[in-house]
Amino acid sequence: MRPPVARILFDFDGVLATYRHGPRIASLAGWAGCTQQAVREALFASGLELEYDVGAIDTARYLDRLGAGIGRPVDEATWIAARMAGSVAEEPMLDRVAALDCALELAVLTNNGVLMERAIPRILGRVAARFGGRVLCSGALRARKPDPAVFARAPDQLGWPVAGTL
């Protein structure tokens, strides 16, 4: 007999929120006074975002390199504001989360760098407390989904048994 579900591990982008590069890029470009193409190159064409998402570089180095690429230093607050500009909570999904039995433990597992640990609760707004601060980022786990290592490390990191975790 299978144990009942006691814990749910949610993906973030594409499940709890919709993410679009365009608004994030526009936010950073407007803040830095550079072109959107410069932001695209600094974040994506350079491979910087992927390096950060897999934990190959830490936050300080990531922000330094991003700032160098767009011609203006980027701090954590600016980065979070730009990421939030590109992220819109999926309200029907948040309604479903709010309706879940309070006995269920909830967490987020996302393919993002560790700064998302601070951005996700702000994006989730009204249901953020339901997750109890349990946000796991691929950057901290040093691997991205669908790598099986991520799914092996996540329950350990949360202190959750695999049995009963959806």
Protein backbone atom coordinates (compact mmCIF):
# COMPACT_ATOMS: atom_id res chain seq x y z
CA MET A 1 0.00 0.00 0.00
CA ARG A 2 1.30 3.45 -0.91
CA PRO A 3 1.51 6.04 1.83
CA PRO A 4 -0.84 9.01 1.48
CA VAL A 5 0.57 12.25 0.13
CA ALA A 6 1.83 14.36 3.04
CA ARG A 7 4.11 16.78 1.16
CA ILE A 8 3.99 18.47 -2.25
CA LEU A 9 7.01 19.84 -4.09
CA PHE A 10 5.95 22.41 -6.71
CA ASP A 11 7.81 23.73 -9.72
CA PHE A 12 7.77 27.51 -9.93
CA ASP A 13 8.03 28.87 -13.49
CA GLY A 14 5.21 27.48 -15.59
CA VAL A 15 3.28 26.17 -12.58
CA LEU A 16 2.98 28.73 -9.78
CA ALA A 17 3.97 31.66 -11.98
CA THR A 18 4.47 32.62 -15.59
CA TYR A 19 7.89 33.97 -16.44
CA ARG A 20 8.76 36.09 -19.47
CA HIS A 21 12.26 37.30 -20.29
CA GLY A 22 11.02 40.48 -22.02
CA PRO A 23 9.78 42.45 -19.00
CA ARG A 24 12.81 41.41 -16.94
CA ILE A 25 15.19 42.48 -19.70
CA ALA A 26 13.34 45.77 -20.17
CA SER A 27 13.49 46.45 -16.43
CA LEU A 28 17.25 45.90 -16.25
CA ALA A 29 17.89 47.87 -19.45
CA GLY A 30 15.83 50.81 -18.21
CA TRP A 31 17.57 50.78 -14.86
CA ALA A 32 21.07 50.55 -16.37
CA GLY A 33 20.42 52.91 -19.27
CA CYS A 34 21.57 50.32 -21.79
CA THR A 35 19.95 48.46 -24.65
CA GLN A 36 17.82 45.39 -24.15
CA GLN A 37 20.23 43.57 -26.43
CA ALA A 38 23.08 44.32 -24.00
CA VAL A 39 21.05 42.74 -21.18
CA ARG A 40 20.19 39.69 -23.33
CA GLU A 41 23.86 39.23 -24.16
CA ALA A 42 25.01 39.70 -20.56
CA LEU A 43 22.46 37.27 -19.13
CA PHE A 44 21.80 34.67 -21.76
CA ALA A 45 24.19 34.73 -24.73
CA SER A 46 27.18 34.77 -22.36
CA GLY A 47 25.91 31.72 -20.48
CA LEU A 48 25.92 33.71 -17.21
CA GLU A 49 22.34 32.84 -16.27
CA LEU A 50 22.90 29.12 -16.80
CA GLU A 51 26.13 29.20 -14.76
CA TYR A 52 24.24 30.78 -11.88
CA ASP A 53 21.27 28.44 -12.21
CA VAL A 54 23.51 25.37 -11.84
CA GLY A 55 25.48 26.84 -8.94
CA ALA A 56 28.74 27.15 -10.87
CA ILE A 57 29.13 30.73 -9.58
CA ASP A 58 27.96 32.47 -6.43
CA THR A 59 25.61 35.44 -6.22
CA ALA A 60 28.35 38.06 -5.80
CA ARG A 61 30.20 36.92 -8.92
CA TYR A 62 26.94 36.62 -10.86
CA LEU A 63 25.88 40.17 -10.01
CA ASP A 64 29.38 41.53 -10.69
CA ARG A 65 29.47 39.94 -14.13
CA LEU A 66 25.93 41.07 -14.93
CA GLY A 67 26.79 44.63 -13.89
CA ALA A 68 29.94 44.59 -16.01
CA GLY A 69 27.93 43.33 -18.97
CA ILE A 70 25.30 46.07 -18.77
CA GLY A 71 27.58 48.89 -17.66
CA ARG A 72 26.16 49.52 -14.18
CA PRO A 73 26.57 47.60 -10.92
CA VAL A 74 23.59 45.43 -10.06
CA ASP A 75 22.63 44.80 -6.44
CA GLU A 76 20.30 42.13 -5.12
CA ALA A 77 17.31 44.47 -4.77
CA THR A 78 17.61 45.61 -8.40
CA TRP A 79 17.92 42.03 -9.62
CA ILE A 80 14.89 40.92 -7.60
CA ALA A 81 12.81 43.85 -8.87
CA ALA A 82 13.70 42.96 -12.46
CA ARG A 83 12.92 39.26 -11.94
CA MET A 84 9.59 40.19 -10.38
CA ALA A 85 8.83 42.36 -13.41
CA GLY A 86 9.06 39.21 -15.53
CA SER A 87 7.09 36.95 -13.17
CA VAL A 88 3.33 36.89 -12.77
CA ALA A 89 1.71 34.59 -10.22
CA GLU A 90 -0.80 32.15 -11.70
CA GLU A 91 -3.86 33.16 -9.66
CA PRO A 92 -5.92 30.01 -10.42
CA MET A 93 -2.98 27.90 -9.20
CA LEU A 94 -2.58 30.06 -6.09
CA ASP A 95 -6.29 29.48 -5.42
CA ARG A 96 -5.65 25.74 -5.59
CA VAL A 97 -2.68 26.04 -3.24
CA ALA A 98 -4.78 28.05 -0.78
CA ALA A 99 -7.46 25.34 -0.87
CA LEU A 100 -5.06 22.49 0.00
CA ASP A 101 -5.34 20.81 3.37
CA CYS A 102 -3.24 22.78 5.87
CA ALA A 103 -1.68 19.52 7.08
CA LEU A 104 0.16 19.16 3.75
CA GLU A 105 3.71 20.51 3.75
CA LEU A 106 4.53 22.50 0.62
CA ALA A 107 7.81 23.52 -1.00
CA VAL A 108 9.09 24.93 -4.29
CA LEU A 109 11.86 23.44 -6.44
CA THR A 110 12.98 25.71 -9.27
CA ASN A 111 15.68 25.84 -11.93
CA ASN A 112 17.03 29.20 -10.81
CA GLY A 113 19.92 30.74 -8.93
CA VAL A 114 19.68 31.26 -5.18
CA LEU A 115 18.43 34.86 -5.41
CA MET A 116 15.07 33.35 -6.31
CA GLU A 117 14.78 32.16 -2.70
CA ARG A 118 14.06 35.81 -1.86
CA ALA A 119 11.99 36.64 -4.96
CA ILE A 120 9.61 33.68 -4.94
CA PRO A 121 7.83 34.51 -1.67
CA ARG A 122 7.23 38.03 -2.94
CA ILE A 123 5.82 36.73 -6.23
CA LEU A 124 3.60 34.19 -4.44
CA GLY A 125 2.18 36.94 -2.24
CA ARG A 126 -0.97 35.74 -0.49
CA VAL A 127 0.08 32.07 -0.39
CA ALA A 128 3.78 32.54 0.37
CA ALA A 129 3.35 31.71 4.05
CA ARG A 130 1.82 28.38 3.05
CA PHE A 131 5.26 27.30 1.79
CA GLY A 132 6.92 28.12 5.11
CA GLY A 133 10.05 29.48 3.44
CA ARG A 134 10.75 26.13 1.77
CA VAL A 135 12.20 27.23 -1.59
CA LEU A 136 14.91 25.14 -3.23
CA CYS A 137 16.86 26.54 -6.15
CA SER A 138 18.91 24.52 -8.60
CA GLY A 139 21.82 26.88 -7.94
CA ALA A 140 21.97 25.72 -4.33
CA LEU A 141 21.53 22.08 -5.34
CA ARG A 142 24.22 22.44 -8.05
CA ALA A 143 22.12 20.70 -10.69
CA ARG A 144 19.05 21.50 -12.78
CA LYS A 145 15.92 19.53 -13.43
CA PRO A 146 15.49 17.04 -15.04
CA ASP A 147 18.84 15.78 -13.69
CA PRO A 148 17.90 12.93 -11.30
CA ALA A 149 20.39 14.34 -8.76
CA VAL A 150 18.06 17.30 -8.18
CA PHE A 151 15.18 15.03 -7.26
CA ALA A 152 17.43 12.99 -4.95
CA ARG A 153 18.85 16.08 -3.20
CA ALA A 154 15.59 18.00 -2.78
CA PRO A 155 13.90 15.76 -0.16
CA ASP A 156 17.19 15.49 1.76
CA GLN A 157 17.59 19.26 1.76
CA LEU A 158 14.03 19.68 3.04
CA GLY A 159 14.35 16.90 5.60
CA TRP A 160 11.46 15.10 3.92
CA PRO A 161 11.15 11.38 3.41
CA VAL A 162 10.58 10.42 -0.20
CA ALA A 163 7.59 8.28 0.75
CA GLY A 164 4.52 10.46 0.83
CA THR A 165 6.09 13.27 -1.18
CA LEU A 166 4.47 14.25 -4.46
